[in-house]
Amino acid sequence: MSFTDTVYDVTAQIPKGNVATYGQIAKLAGKPKAARIVGSLMKINPFAPRVPCHRVVGFDGNLIGYSGKNGITGKRSMLIKEGVVFKGNKVDLARSLWRR
């Protein structure tokens, strides 16, 4: 399986109410230093909504980029509807980070 396929496979496993970081996805896909590549793959995700790219956030819980409907605002709305907990403008990773 290619790195790209593995990234999409790992991302597809993030359950509702949880998020993962770009770095976490990169590590789980076998290339811990490839967080930026993960970001690029999320931007062009051809498998949405099966691969929930909106559930991938920055290392500090920041909502970095979203090319879907309504951009970052849309991403935040979807995450809130799914039960992700926020602390200010960032995801509360202590409560919502996916533990795999």
PDB file of N, CA and C in Angstrom:
ATOM      1  N   MET A   1       0.859  -1.178   0.000  1.00  0.00           N
ATOM      2  CA  MET A   1       0.000   0.000   0.000  1.00  0.00           C
ATOM      3  C   MET A   1       0.907   1.244   0.000  1.00  0.00           C
ATOM      4  N   SER A   2       0.575   2.216  -0.806  1.00  0.00           N
ATOM      5  CA  SER A   2       1.378   3.436  -0.885  1.00  0.00           C
ATOM      6  C   SER A   2       1.150   4.311   0.354  1.00  0.00           C
ATOM      7  N   PHE A   3       2.040   5.258   0.570  1.00  0.00           N
ATOM      8  CA  PHE A   3       1.886   6.199   1.681  1.00  0.00           C
ATOM      9  C   PHE A   3       0.556   6.941   1.562  1.00  0.00           C
ATOM     10  N   THR A   4       0.213   7.374   0.366  1.00  0.00           N
ATOM     11  CA  THR A   4      -1.050   8.088   0.146  1.00  0.00           C
ATOM     12  C   THR A   4      -2.242   7.223   0.552  1.00  0.00           C
ATOM     13  N   ASP A   5      -2.252   5.986   0.102  1.00  0.00           N
ATOM     14  CA  ASP A   5      -3.349   5.084   0.460  1.00  0.00           C
ATOM     15  C   ASP A   5      -3.419   4.863   1.963  1.00  0.00           C
ATOM     16  N   THR A   6      -2.265   4.722   2.596  1.00  0.00           N
ATOM     17  CA  THR A   6      -2.218   4.506   4.036  1.00  0.00           C
ATOM     18  C   THR A   6      -2.742   5.719   4.780  1.00  0.00           C
ATOM     19  N   VAL A   7      -2.382   6.920   4.323  1.00  0.00           N
ATOM     20  CA  VAL A   7      -2.877   8.155   4.951  1.00  0.00           C
ATOM     21  C   VAL A   7      -4.405   8.200   4.896  1.00  0.00           C
ATOM     22  N   TYR A   8      -4.975   7.923   3.747  1.00  0.00           N
ATOM     23  CA  TYR A   8      -6.433   7.949   3.624  1.00  0.00           C
ATOM     24  C   TYR A   8      -7.077   6.835   4.453  1.00  0.00           C
ATOM     25  N   ASP A   9      -6.438   5.672   4.506  1.00  0.00           N
ATOM     26  CA  ASP A   9      -6.959   4.567   5.306  1.00  0.00           C
ATOM     27  C   ASP A   9      -6.966   4.919   6.793  1.00  0.00           C
ATOM     28  N   VAL A  10      -5.872   5.470   7.292  1.00  0.00           N
ATOM     29  CA  VAL A  10      -5.786   5.869   8.702  1.00  0.00           C
ATOM     30  C   VAL A  10      -6.811   6.954   9.005  1.00  0.00           C
ATOM     31  N   THR A  11      -6.916   7.942   8.138  1.00  0.00           N
ATOM     32  CA  THR A  11      -7.855   9.052   8.352  1.00  0.00           C
ATOM     33  C   THR A  11      -9.293   8.546   8.387  1.00  0.00           C
ATOM     34  N   ALA A  12      -9.605   7.549   7.576  1.00  0.00           N
ATOM     35  CA  ALA A  12     -10.957   6.993   7.544  1.00  0.00           C
ATOM     36  C   ALA A  12     -11.348   6.346   8.867  1.00  0.00           C
ATOM     37  N   GLN A  13     -10.368   6.015   9.693  1.00  0.00           N
ATOM     38  CA  GLN A  13     -10.626   5.350  10.967  1.00  0.00           C
ATOM     39  C   GLN A  13     -10.910   6.313  12.126  1.00  0.00           C
ATOM     40  N   ILE A  14     -10.716   7.608  11.918  1.00  0.00           N
ATOM     41  CA  ILE A  14     -10.954   8.580  12.995  1.00  0.00           C
ATOM     42  C   ILE A  14     -12.453   8.619  13.277  1.00  0.00           C
ATOM     43  N   PRO A  15     -12.858   8.274  14.496  1.00  0.00           N
ATOM     44  CA  PRO A  15     -14.298   8.252  14.789  1.00  0.00           C
ATOM     45  C   PRO A  15     -14.886   9.642  15.012  1.00  0.00           C
ATOM     46  N   LYS A  16     -16.203   9.740  14.828  1.00  0.00           N
ATOM     47  CA  LYS A  16     -16.896  10.992  15.128  1.00  0.00           C
ATOM     48  C   LYS A  16     -16.619  11.362  16.576  1.00  0.00           C
ATOM     49  N   GLY A  17     -16.471  12.654  16.816  1.00  0.00           N
ATOM     50  CA  GLY A  17     -16.203  13.143  18.160  1.00  0.00           C
ATOM     51  C   GLY A  17     -14.731  13.200  18.503  1.00  0.00           C
ATOM     52  N   ASN A  18     -13.882  12.765  17.570  1.00  0.00           N
ATOM     53  CA  ASN A  18     -12.440  12.790  17.762  1.00  0.00           C
ATOM     54  C   ASN A  18     -11.758  13.465  16.585  1.00  0.00           C
ATOM     55  N   VAL A  19     -10.538  13.895  16.823  1.00  0.00           N
ATOM     56  CA  VAL A  19      -9.686  14.444  15.776  1.00  0.00           C
ATOM     57  C   VAL A  19      -8.314  13.791  15.880  1.00  0.00           C
ATOM     58  N   ALA A  20      -7.537  13.912  14.832  1.00  0.00           N
ATOM     59  CA  ALA A  20      -6.134  13.516  14.828  1.00  0.00           C
ATOM     60  C   ALA A  20      -5.344  14.695  14.294  1.00  0.00           C
ATOM     61  N   THR A  21      -4.067  14.745  14.604  1.00  0.00           N
ATOM     62  CA  THR A  21      -3.228  15.814  14.067  1.00  0.00           C
ATOM     63  C   THR A  21      -2.576  15.327  12.769  1.00  0.00           C
ATOM     64  N   TYR A  22      -2.123  16.276  11.968  1.00  0.00           N
ATOM     65  CA  TYR A  22      -1.430  15.927  10.732  1.00  0.00           C
ATOM     66  C   TYR A  22      -0.207  15.072  11.046  1.00  0.00           C
ATOM     67  N   GLY A  23       0.522  15.440  12.099  1.00  0.00           N
ATOM     68  CA  GLY A  23       1.703  14.681  12.503  1.00  0.00           C
ATOM     69  C   GLY A  23       1.363  13.282  12.980  1.00  0.00           C
ATOM     70  N   GLN A  24       0.268  13.154  13.695  1.00  0.00           N
ATOM     71  CA  GLN A  24      -0.181  11.852  14.175  1.00  0.00           C
ATOM     72  C   GLN A  24      -0.505  10.935  12.989  1.00  0.00           C
ATOM     73  N   ILE A  25      -1.207  11.469  11.994  1.00  0.00           N
ATOM     74  CA  ILE A  25      -1.535  10.686  10.799  1.00  0.00           C
ATOM     75  C   ILE A  25      -0.256  10.281  10.076  1.00  0.00           C
ATOM     76  N   ALA A  26       0.682  11.216   9.943  1.00  0.00           N
ATOM     77  CA  ALA A  26       1.950  10.911   9.276  1.00  0.00           C
ATOM     78  C   ALA A  26       2.678   9.771   9.993  1.00  0.00           C
ATOM     79  N   LYS A  27       2.726   9.847  11.306  1.00  0.00           N
ATOM     80  CA  LYS A  27       3.404   8.808  12.097  1.00  0.00           C
ATOM     81  C   LYS A  27       2.711   7.461  11.928  1.00  0.00           C
ATOM     82  N   LEU A  28       1.387   7.448  12.034  1.00  0.00           N
ATOM     83  CA  LEU A  28       0.635   6.201  11.885  1.00  0.00           C
ATOM     84  C   LEU A  28       0.759   5.618  10.477  1.00  0.00           C
ATOM     85  N   ALA A  29       1.010   6.481   9.496  1.00  0.00           N
ATOM     86  CA  ALA A  29       1.174   6.030   8.106  1.00  0.00           C
ATOM     87  C   ALA A  29       2.617   5.635   7.797  1.00  0.00           C
ATOM     88  N   GLY A  30       3.504   5.765   8.791  1.00  0.00           N
ATOM     89  CA  GLY A  30       4.877   5.295   8.612  1.00  0.00           C
ATOM     90  C   GLY A  30       5.916   6.326   8.254  1.00  0.00           C
ATOM     91  N   LYS A  31       5.524   7.611   8.186  1.00  0.00           N
ATOM     92  CA  LYS A  31       6.493   8.669   7.863  1.00  0.00           C
ATOM     93  C   LYS A  31       6.273   9.836   8.827  1.00  0.00           C
ATOM     94  N   PRO A  32       6.846   9.744  10.030  1.00  0.00           N
ATOM     95  CA  PRO A  32       6.568  10.730  11.074  1.00  0.00           C
ATOM     96  C   PRO A  32       6.923  12.181  10.734  1.00  0.00           C
ATOM     97  N   LYS A  33       7.762  12.399   9.746  1.00  0.00           N
ATOM     98  CA  LYS A  33       8.150  13.768   9.385  1.00  0.00           C
ATOM     99  C   LYS A  33       7.357  14.303   8.195  1.00  0.00           C
ATOM    100  N   ALA A  34       6.292  13.618   7.824  1.00  0.00           N
ATOM    101  CA  ALA A  34       5.555  13.972   6.604  1.00  0.00           C
ATOM    102  C   ALA A  34       4.221  14.664   6.887  1.00  0.00           C
ATOM    103  N   ALA A  35       4.130  15.429   7.970  1.00  0.00           N
ATOM    104  CA  ALA A  35       2.872  16.104   8.312  1.00  0.00           C
ATOM    105  C   ALA A  35       2.402  17.038   7.199  1.00  0.00           C
ATOM    106  N   ARG A  36       3.322  17.723   6.549  1.00  0.00           N
ATOM    107  CA  ARG A  36       2.930  18.642   5.471  1.00  0.00           C
ATOM    108  C   ARG A  36       2.361  17.895   4.274  1.00  0.00           C
ATOM    109  N   ILE A  37       2.914  16.733   4.002  1.00  0.00           N
ATOM    110  CA  ILE A  37       2.384  15.921   2.907  1.00  0.00           C
ATOM    111  C   ILE A  37       0.970  15.464   3.258  1.00  0.00           C
ATOM    112  N   VAL A  38       0.747  15.086   4.518  1.00  0.00           N
ATOM    113  CA  VAL A  38      -0.596  14.709   4.960  1.00  0.00           C
ATOM    114  C   VAL A  38      -1.553  15.876   4.713  1.00  0.00           C
ATOM    115  N   GLY A  39      -1.130  17.088   5.048  1.00  0.00           N
ATOM    116  CA  GLY A  39      -1.958  18.264   4.807  1.00  0.00           C
ATOM    117  C   GLY A  39      -2.308  18.421   3.339  1.00  0.00           C
ATOM    118  N   SER A  40      -1.337  18.214   2.491  1.00  0.00           N
ATOM    119  CA  SER A  40      -1.587  18.303   1.045  1.00  0.00           C
ATOM    120  C   SER A  40      -2.578  17.233   0.580  1.00  0.00           C
ATOM    121  N   LEU A  41      -2.454  16.044   1.135  1.00  0.00           N
ATOM    122  CA  LEU A  41      -3.377  14.965   0.769  1.00  0.00           C
ATOM    123  C   LEU A  41      -4.790  15.248   1.261  1.00  0.00           C
ATOM    124  N   MET A  42      -4.901  15.862   2.424  1.00  0.00           N
ATOM    125  CA  MET A  42      -6.230  16.206   2.928  1.00  0.00           C
ATOM    126  C   MET A  42      -6.884  17.261   2.039  1.00  0.00           C
ATOM    127  N   LYS A  43      -6.074  18.160   1.507  1.00  0.00           N
ATOM    128  CA  LYS A  43      -6.593  19.229   0.641  1.00  0.00           C
ATOM    129  C   LYS A  43      -7.203  18.675  -0.644  1.00  0.00           C
ATOM    130  N   ILE A  44      -6.651  17.579  -1.137  1.00  0.00           N
ATOM    131  CA  ILE A  44      -7.138  17.011  -2.402  1.00  0.00           C
ATOM    132  C   ILE A  44      -7.923  15.716  -2.187  1.00  0.00           C
ATOM    133  N   ASN A  45      -8.333  15.446  -0.988  1.00  0.00           N
ATOM    134  CA  ASN A  45      -9.022  14.214  -0.613  1.00  0.00           C
ATOM    135  C   ASN A  45     -10.156  13.865  -1.590  1.00  0.00           C
ATOM    136  N   PRO A  46      -9.969  12.820  -2.407  1.00  0.00           N
ATOM    137  CA  PRO A  46     -11.022  12.446  -3.355  1.00  0.00           C
ATOM    138  C   PRO A  46     -12.080  11.517  -2.746  1.00  0.00           C
ATOM    139  N   PHE A  47     -11.906  11.153  -1.484  1.00  0.00           N
ATOM    140  CA  PHE A  47     -12.772  10.164  -0.851  1.00  0.00           C
ATOM    141  C   PHE A  47     -13.717  10.726   0.209  1.00  0.00           C
ATOM    142  N   ALA A  48     -13.824  12.041   0.279  1.00  0.00           N
ATOM    143  CA  ALA A  48     -14.741  12.651   1.252  1.00  0.00           C
ATOM    144  C   ALA A  48     -16.167  12.290   0.854  1.00  0.00           C
ATOM    145  N   PRO A  49     -17.040  12.029   1.760  1.00  0.00           N
ATOM    146  CA  PRO A  49     -16.906  12.094   3.216  1.00  0.00           C
ATOM    147  C   PRO A  49     -16.448  10.794   3.870  1.00  0.00           C
ATOM    148  N   ARG A  50     -16.224   9.720   3.081  1.00  0.00           N
ATOM    149  CA  ARG A  50     -15.758   8.461   3.683  1.00  0.00           C
ATOM    150  C   ARG A  50     -14.440   8.655   4.429  1.00  0.00           C
ATOM    151  N   VAL A  51     -13.576   9.493   3.894  1.00  0.00           N
ATOM    152  CA  VAL A  51     -12.327   9.861   4.562  1.00  0.00           C
ATOM    153  C   VAL A  51     -12.540  11.264   5.126  1.00  0.00           C
ATOM    154  N   PRO A  52     -12.786  11.362   6.429  1.00  0.00           N
ATOM    155  CA  PRO A  52     -13.189  12.633   7.042  1.00  0.00           C
ATOM    156  C   PRO A  52     -12.014  13.583   7.296  1.00  0.00           C
ATOM    157  N   CYS A  53     -11.560  14.240   6.249  1.00  0.00           N
ATOM    158  CA  CYS A  53     -10.407  15.132   6.355  1.00  0.00           C
ATOM    159  C   CYS A  53     -10.658  16.296   7.313  1.00  0.00           C
ATOM    160  N   HIS A  54     -11.925  16.620   7.565  1.00  0.00           N
ATOM    161  CA  HIS A  54     -12.218  17.707   8.508  1.00  0.00           C
ATOM    162  C   HIS A  54     -11.836  17.335   9.938  1.00  0.00           C
ATOM    163  N   ARG A  55     -11.576  16.068  10.197  1.00  0.00           N
ATOM    164  CA  ARG A  55     -11.185  15.618  11.541  1.00  0.00           C
ATOM    165  C   ARG A  55      -9.680  15.661  11.764  1.00  0.00           C
ATOM    166  N   VAL A  56      -8.935  16.252  10.832  1.00  0.00           N
ATOM    167  CA  VAL A  56      -7.486  16.374  10.972  1.00  0.00           C
ATOM    168  C   VAL A  56      -7.160  17.838  11.244  1.00  0.00           C
ATOM    169  N   VAL A  57      -6.401  18.068  12.335  1.00  0.00           N
ATOM    170  CA  VAL A  57      -6.117  19.427  12.803  1.00  0.00           C
ATOM    171  C   VAL A  57      -4.623  19.602  13.060  1.00  0.00           C
ATOM    172  N   GLY A  58      -4.228  20.826  13.352  1.00  0.00           N
ATOM    173  CA  GLY A  58      -2.836  21.126  13.649  1.00  0.00           C
ATOM    174  C   GLY A  58      -2.377  20.508  14.962  1.00  0.00           C
ATOM    175  N   PHE A  59      -1.069  20.470  15.169  1.00  0.00           N
ATOM    176  CA  PHE A  59      -0.470  19.825  16.344  1.00  0.00           C
ATOM    177  C   PHE A  59      -0.958  20.407  17.665  1.00  0.00           C
ATOM    178  N   ASP A  60      -1.443  21.651  17.614  1.00  0.00           N
ATOM    179  CA  ASP A  60      -1.893  22.324  18.833  1.00  0.00           C
ATOM    180  C   ASP A  60      -3.413  22.456  18.898  1.00  0.00           C
ATOM    181  N   GLY A  61      -4.116  21.762  18.011  1.00  0.00           N
ATOM    182  CA  GLY A  61      -5.575  21.833  17.983  1.00  0.00           C
ATOM    183  C   GLY A  61      -6.128  22.924  17.097  1.00  0.00           C
ATOM    184  N   ASN A  62      -5.247  23.659  16.449  1.00  0.00           N
ATOM    185  CA  ASN A  62      -5.665  24.736  15.562  1.00  0.00           C
ATOM    186  C   ASN A  62      -6.314  24.160  14.300  1.00  0.00           C
ATOM    187  N   LEU A  63      -7.359  24.807  13.836  1.00  0.00           N
ATOM    188  CA  LEU A  63      -8.040  24.363  12.615  1.00  0.00           C
ATOM    189  C   LEU A  63      -7.305  24.931  11.411  1.00  0.00           C
ATOM    190  N   ILE A  64      -6.366  24.159  10.923  1.00  0.00           N
ATOM    191  CA  ILE A  64      -5.526  24.601   9.812  1.00  0.00           C
ATOM    192  C   ILE A  64      -6.145  24.133   8.508  1.00  0.00           C
ATOM    193  N   GLY A  65      -6.472  25.067   7.655  1.00  0.00           N
ATOM    194  CA  GLY A  65      -6.933  24.753   6.315  1.00  0.00           C
ATOM    195  C   GLY A  65      -8.122  23.826   6.232  1.00  0.00           C
ATOM    196  N   TYR A  66      -8.954  24.096   5.281  1.00  0.00           N
ATOM    197  CA  TYR A  66     -10.062  23.208   4.933  1.00  0.00           C
ATOM    198  C   TYR A  66     -10.613  23.701   3.612  1.00  0.00           C
ATOM    199  N   SER A  67     -10.553  22.848   2.609  1.00  0.00           N
ATOM    200  CA  SER A  67     -10.987  23.265   1.280  1.00  0.00           C
ATOM    201  C   SER A  67     -12.444  22.920   1.013  1.00  0.00           C
ATOM    202  N   GLY A  68     -13.128  22.355   2.001  1.00  0.00           N
ATOM    203  CA  GLY A  68     -14.536  22.026   1.850  1.00  0.00           C
ATOM    204  C   GLY A  68     -15.429  23.239   1.998  1.00  0.00           C
ATOM    205  N   LYS A  69     -16.720  22.988   1.983  1.00  0.00           N
ATOM    206  CA  LYS A  69     -17.724  24.047   2.052  1.00  0.00           C
ATOM    207  C   LYS A  69     -17.530  24.927   3.287  1.00  0.00           C
ATOM    208  N   ASN A  70     -17.514  26.224   3.084  1.00  0.00           N
ATOM    209  CA  ASN A  70     -17.388  27.251   4.125  1.00  0.00           C
ATOM    210  C   ASN A  70     -16.052  27.260   4.857  1.00  0.00           C
ATOM    211  N   GLY A  71     -15.039  26.631   4.301  1.00  0.00           N
ATOM    212  CA  GLY A  71     -13.686  26.705   4.842  1.00  0.00           C
ATOM    213  C   GLY A  71     -13.604  26.316   6.313  1.00  0.00           C
ATOM    214  N   ILE A  72     -12.778  27.055   7.051  1.00  0.00           N
ATOM    215  CA  ILE A  72     -12.541  26.778   8.468  1.00  0.00           C
ATOM    216  C   ILE A  72     -13.842  26.848   9.273  1.00  0.00           C
ATOM    217  N   THR A  73     -14.709  27.782   8.942  1.00  0.00           N
ATOM    218  CA  THR A  73     -15.989  27.898   9.646  1.00  0.00           C
ATOM    219  C   THR A  73     -16.804  26.623   9.481  1.00  0.00           C
ATOM    220  N   GLY A  74     -16.822  26.082   8.280  1.00  0.00           N
ATOM    221  CA  GLY A  74     -17.523  24.835   8.018  1.00  0.00           C
ATOM    222  C   GLY A  74     -16.905  23.664   8.760  1.00  0.00           C
ATOM    223  N   LYS A  75     -15.581  23.630   8.793  1.00  0.00           N
ATOM    224  CA  LYS A  75     -14.855  22.578   9.499  1.00  0.00           C
ATOM    225  C   LYS A  75     -15.217  22.611  10.980  1.00  0.00           C
ATOM    226  N   ARG A  76     -15.181  23.792  11.569  1.00  0.00           N
ATOM    227  CA  ARG A  76     -15.516  23.940  12.991  1.00  0.00           C
ATOM    228  C   ARG A  76     -16.958  23.496  13.270  1.00  0.00           C
ATOM    229  N   SER A  77     -17.880  23.906  12.424  1.00  0.00           N
ATOM    230  CA  SER A  77     -19.284  23.533  12.599  1.00  0.00           C
ATOM    231  C   SER A  77     -19.474  22.018  12.560  1.00  0.00           C
ATOM    232  N   MET A  78     -18.825  21.362  11.593  1.00  0.00           N
ATOM    233  CA  MET A  78     -18.938  19.906  11.496  1.00  0.00           C
ATOM    234  C   MET A  78     -18.381  19.221  12.730  1.00  0.00           C
ATOM    235  N   LEU A  79     -17.227  19.700  13.208  1.00  0.00           N
ATOM    236  CA  LEU A  79     -16.610  19.089  14.383  1.00  0.00           C
ATOM    237  C   LEU A  79     -17.478  19.273  15.624  1.00  0.00           C
ATOM    238  N   ILE A  80     -18.052  20.453  15.789  1.00  0.00           N
ATOM    239  CA  ILE A  80     -18.934  20.699  16.938  1.00  0.00           C
ATOM    240  C   ILE A  80     -20.149  19.770  16.873  1.00  0.00           C
ATOM    241  N   LYS A  81     -20.745  19.625  15.695  1.00  0.00           N
ATOM    242  CA  LYS A  81     -21.899  18.730  15.534  1.00  0.00           C
ATOM    243  C   LYS A  81     -21.551  17.285  15.868  1.00  0.00           C
ATOM    244  N   GLU A  82     -20.300  16.912  15.638  1.00  0.00           N
ATOM    245  CA  GLU A  82     -19.861  15.543  15.911  1.00  0.00           C
ATOM    246  C   GLU A  82     -19.455  15.339  17.373  1.00  0.00           C
ATOM    247  N   GLY A  83     -19.423  16.423  18.150  1.00  0.00           N
ATOM    248  CA  GLY A  83     -19.105  16.296  19.567  1.00  0.00           C
ATOM    249  C   GLY A  83     -17.675  16.622  19.956  1.00  0.00           C
ATOM    250  N   VAL A  84     -16.902  17.177  19.042  1.00  0.00           N
ATOM    251  CA  VAL A  84     -15.528  17.577  19.366  1.00  0.00           C
ATOM    252  C   VAL A  84     -15.581  18.773  20.300  1.00  0.00           C
ATOM    253  N   VAL A  85     -14.737  18.743  21.329  1.00  0.00           N
ATOM    254  CA  VAL A  85     -14.720  19.792  22.344  1.00  0.00           C
ATOM    255  C   VAL A  85     -13.682  20.853  21.967  1.00  0.00           C
ATOM    256  N   PHE A  86     -14.087  22.106  22.072  1.00  0.00           N
ATOM    257  CA  PHE A  86     -13.200  23.228  21.777  1.00  0.00           C
ATOM    258  C   PHE A  86     -12.843  23.982  23.047  1.00  0.00           C
ATOM    259  N   LYS A  87     -11.678  24.566  23.018  1.00  0.00           N
ATOM    260  CA  LYS A  87     -11.208  25.466  24.064  1.00  0.00           C
ATOM    261  C   LYS A  87     -10.831  26.738  23.327  1.00  0.00           C
ATOM    262  N   GLY A  88     -11.719  27.717  23.346  1.00  0.00           N
ATOM    263  CA  GLY A  88     -11.519  28.912  22.521  1.00  0.00           C
ATOM    264  C   GLY A  88     -11.688  28.530  21.062  1.00  0.00           C
ATOM    265  N   ASN A  89     -10.715  28.918  20.240  1.00  0.00           N
ATOM    266  CA  ASN A  89     -10.780  28.619  18.806  1.00  0.00           C
ATOM    267  C   ASN A  89     -10.076  27.323  18.423  1.00  0.00           C
ATOM    268  N   LYS A  90      -9.539  26.612  19.413  1.00  0.00           N
ATOM    269  CA  LYS A  90      -8.794  25.391  19.125  1.00  0.00           C
ATOM    270  C   LYS A  90      -9.523  24.178  19.690  1.00  0.00           C
ATOM    271  N   VAL A  91      -9.286  23.035  19.065  1.00  0.00           N
ATOM    272  CA  VAL A  91      -9.816  21.790  19.593  1.00  0.00           C
ATOM    273  C   VAL A  91      -9.099  21.488  20.914  1.00  0.00           C
ATOM    274  N   ASP A  92      -9.859  21.076  21.906  1.00  0.00           N
ATOM    275  CA  ASP A  92      -9.286  20.655  23.184  1.00  0.00           C
ATOM    276  C   ASP A  92      -8.745  19.243  22.988  1.00  0.00           C
ATOM    277  N   LEU A  93      -7.458  19.148  22.687  1.00  0.00           N
ATOM    278  CA  LEU A  93      -6.859  17.852  22.373  1.00  0.00           C
ATOM    279  C   LEU A  93      -6.854  16.912  23.570  1.00  0.00           C
ATOM    280  N   ALA A  94      -6.846  17.442  24.779  1.00  0.00           N
ATOM    281  CA  ALA A  94      -6.889  16.582  25.966  1.00  0.00           C
ATOM    282  C   ALA A  94      -8.197  15.788  26.005  1.00  0.00           C
ATOM    283  N   ARG A  95      -9.239  16.330  25.409  1.00  0.00           N
ATOM    284  CA  ARG A  95     -10.553  15.683  25.446  1.00  0.00           C
ATOM    285  C   ARG A  95     -10.971  15.054  24.122  1.00  0.00           C
ATOM    286  N   SER A  96     -10.451  15.552  23.001  1.00  0.00           N
ATOM    287  CA  SER A  96     -10.957  15.093  21.710  1.00  0.00           C
ATOM    288  C   SER A  96      -9.935  14.414  20.803  1.00  0.00           C
ATOM    289  N   LEU A  97      -8.687  14.289  21.251  1.00  0.00           N
ATOM    290  CA  LEU A  97      -7.678  13.655  20.404  1.00  0.00           C
ATOM    291  C   LEU A  97      -7.937  12.155  20.319  1.00  0.00           C
ATOM    292  N   TRP A  98      -7.908  11.635  19.111  1.00  0.00           N
ATOM    293  CA  TRP A  98      -8.081  10.209  18.856  1.00  0.00           C
ATOM    294  C   TRP A  98      -6.893   9.469  19.429  1.00  0.00           C
ATOM    295  N   ARG A  99      -7.168   8.483  20.228  1.00  0.00           N
ATOM    296  CA  ARG A  99      -6.121   7.642  20.815  1.00  0.00           C
ATOM    297  C   ARG A  99      -6.167   6.278  20.121  1.00  0.00           C
ATOM    298  N   ARG A 100      -5.212   6.043  19.304  1.00  0.00           N
ATOM    299  CA  ARG A 100      -5.188   4.774  18.574  1.00  0.00           C
ATOM    300  C   ARG A 100      -4.055   3.921  19.068  1.00  0.00           C
TER     301      ARG A 100
END
